[in-house]
N, C-alpha and C. Protein backbone atom coordinates (compact mmCIF):
# COMPACT_ATOMS: atom_id res chain seq x y z
N MET A 1 -15.56 9.13 -23.72
CA MET A 1 -14.27 9.92 -23.70
C MET A 1 -13.33 9.30 -22.70
N ASN A 2 -12.21 8.89 -23.19
CA ASN A 2 -11.30 8.58 -22.33
C ASN A 2 -10.13 9.75 -21.97
N ARG A 3 -10.00 10.02 -20.72
CA ARG A 3 -9.24 11.17 -20.23
C ARG A 3 -8.10 10.32 -19.62
N ILE A 4 -6.76 10.77 -19.76
CA ILE A 4 -5.66 10.31 -19.00
C ILE A 4 -5.35 11.21 -17.85
N ILE A 5 -5.34 10.83 -16.74
CA ILE A 5 -4.90 11.70 -15.68
C ILE A 5 -3.47 11.65 -15.52
N ASP A 6 -2.96 12.84 -15.41
CA ASP A 6 -1.35 12.98 -14.97
C ASP A 6 -1.11 12.21 -13.67
N PRO A 7 -0.06 11.33 -13.92
CA PRO A 7 0.31 10.59 -12.66
C PRO A 7 0.54 11.42 -11.28
N GLU A 8 0.91 12.80 -11.44
CA GLU A 8 1.25 13.57 -10.35
C GLU A 8 -0.02 14.03 -9.54
N HIS A 9 -1.06 13.59 -10.13
CA HIS A 9 -2.44 14.10 -9.42
C HIS A 9 -2.98 12.84 -8.94
N VAL A 10 -2.51 11.61 -8.97
CA VAL A 10 -3.03 10.23 -8.48
C VAL A 10 -2.02 9.93 -7.31
N TYR A 11 -2.91 9.69 -6.16
CA TYR A 11 -2.31 9.06 -4.93
C TYR A 11 -3.21 8.10 -4.16
N PHE A 12 -2.64 7.16 -3.53
CA PHE A 12 -3.48 6.27 -2.93
C PHE A 12 -3.14 6.20 -1.37
N ARG A 13 -4.12 5.79 -0.47
CA ARG A 13 -3.81 5.65 0.98
C ARG A 13 -4.33 4.28 1.15
N THR A 14 -3.88 3.50 2.05
CA THR A 14 -4.31 2.08 2.21
C THR A 14 -3.98 1.60 3.59
N VAL A 15 -4.64 0.70 4.22
CA VAL A 15 -4.58 0.22 5.44
C VAL A 15 -4.37 -1.54 5.11
N PRO A 16 -3.18 -1.97 4.90
CA PRO A 16 -3.05 -3.15 4.74
C PRO A 16 -3.33 -4.09 5.95
N VAL A 17 -3.85 -5.36 5.68
CA VAL A 17 -4.25 -6.29 6.55
C VAL A 17 -3.34 -7.78 6.12
N PHE A 18 -2.45 -8.22 7.04
CA PHE A 18 -1.89 -9.62 6.60
C PHE A 18 -2.48 -10.60 7.30
N GLU A 19 -2.59 -11.63 6.48
CA GLU A 19 -3.17 -13.10 7.00
C GLU A 19 -2.43 -14.14 6.76
N THR A 20 -1.96 -15.00 7.78
CA THR A 20 -1.01 -15.91 7.30
C THR A 20 -1.16 -17.11 8.40
N SER A 21 -0.78 -18.31 7.80
CA SER A 21 -0.83 -19.44 8.94
C SER A 21 0.57 -19.89 9.24
N SER A 22 1.49 -19.08 8.60
CA SER A 22 3.01 -19.28 8.91
C SER A 22 3.27 -18.79 10.30
N GLU A 23 4.08 -19.41 11.03
CA GLU A 23 4.39 -18.92 12.46
C GLU A 23 5.53 -17.76 12.25
N ALA A 24 6.08 -17.99 11.16
CA ALA A 24 7.35 -16.83 10.98
C ALA A 24 6.66 -15.61 10.55
N TYR A 25 5.60 -15.47 10.04
CA TYR A 25 4.79 -14.07 9.87
C TYR A 25 3.79 -13.71 10.73
N GLN A 26 3.62 -14.72 11.68
CA GLN A 26 2.27 -14.44 12.67
C GLN A 26 2.40 -13.12 13.38
N HIS A 27 3.36 -12.49 13.35
CA HIS A 27 3.42 -11.13 14.10
C HIS A 27 2.81 -10.10 13.22
N LEU A 28 2.78 -10.34 11.96
CA LEU A 28 2.28 -9.27 11.06
C LEU A 28 0.80 -9.00 11.31
N GLN A 29 0.01 -10.31 11.78
CA GLN A 29 -1.38 -10.11 12.10
C GLN A 29 -1.68 -9.32 13.35
N ASP A 30 -0.74 -9.07 14.26
CA ASP A 30 -0.85 -8.51 15.31
C ASP A 30 -0.58 -6.91 15.39
N ARG A 31 -0.05 -6.33 14.09
CA ARG A 31 0.35 -5.05 14.00
C ARG A 31 -0.53 -4.23 13.15
N LEU A 32 -0.39 -2.79 13.28
CA LEU A 32 -1.37 -2.15 12.38
C LEU A 32 -0.09 -1.56 11.51
N PHE A 33 -0.67 -1.47 10.05
CA PHE A 33 0.18 -0.76 9.05
C PHE A 33 -0.70 0.21 8.45
N ILE A 34 0.01 1.16 7.88
CA ILE A 34 -0.64 2.06 6.89
C ILE A 34 0.18 2.13 5.60
N GLY A 35 -0.31 2.65 4.49
CA GLY A 35 0.39 2.70 3.18
C GLY A 35 0.11 3.87 2.66
N ALA A 36 1.00 4.38 1.71
CA ALA A 36 0.80 5.34 0.62
C ALA A 36 1.35 4.80 -0.80
N ALA A 37 0.74 5.32 -1.69
CA ALA A 37 1.24 5.02 -3.06
C ALA A 37 1.21 5.88 -3.91
N VAL A 38 1.93 5.88 -5.08
CA VAL A 38 1.82 7.18 -5.81
C VAL A 38 1.89 6.27 -7.33
N ARG A 39 1.37 7.03 -8.32
CA ARG A 39 1.26 6.22 -9.61
C ARG A 39 2.38 6.88 -10.54
N LEU A 40 3.26 6.17 -11.04
CA LEU A 40 4.14 6.61 -11.87
C LEU A 40 3.81 6.47 -13.33
N PRO A 41 4.76 6.96 -14.28
CA PRO A 41 4.08 6.66 -15.58
C PRO A 41 4.02 5.20 -15.88
N ASP A 42 4.97 4.43 -15.57
CA ASP A 42 4.78 3.07 -15.90
C ASP A 42 4.81 2.05 -14.68
N ASP A 43 4.52 2.49 -13.40
CA ASP A 43 4.68 1.74 -12.33
C ASP A 43 3.81 2.32 -11.24
N ILE A 44 3.74 1.47 -10.15
CA ILE A 44 2.99 2.13 -8.94
C ILE A 44 4.09 1.79 -7.76
N ARG A 45 4.32 2.84 -7.01
CA ARG A 45 5.27 2.81 -5.84
C ARG A 45 4.52 2.90 -4.62
N LEU A 46 4.33 1.88 -3.91
CA LEU A 46 3.75 1.50 -2.48
C LEU A 46 4.64 1.47 -1.50
N ASP A 47 4.43 2.39 -0.57
CA ASP A 47 5.08 2.54 0.67
C ASP A 47 4.37 2.16 2.12
N ILE A 48 4.93 0.97 2.77
CA ILE A 48 4.03 0.43 3.81
C ILE A 48 4.78 0.66 5.08
N TYR A 49 4.10 1.28 6.17
CA TYR A 49 4.79 1.60 7.41
C TYR A 49 3.90 1.06 8.55
N GLU A 50 4.67 0.56 9.47
CA GLU A 50 4.14 0.03 10.85
C GLU A 50 3.90 1.26 11.85
N VAL A 51 2.76 1.14 12.18
CA VAL A 51 2.42 2.19 13.18
C VAL A 51 2.92 1.59 14.67
N GLN A 52 3.50 2.33 15.37
CA GLN A 52 3.82 1.75 16.82
C GLN A 52 3.33 2.66 17.74
C-alpha cells in the first residue's frame, strides 16, 4: 500500500558539513551550520544558517 503524506506534515532538520580544497571556501570548514527543510508539492526548500 502506497500512502502519500501531505507535504505540510513533512519536515527535515540537518547539520551540513562542507569540505573543500579551495582556499576561497576554506572558511566554511571552520564554521557550524544548521538547516531546516520543508517538502513542497513539487520541490524542497532548504534553509541553511550559520551558528555564531
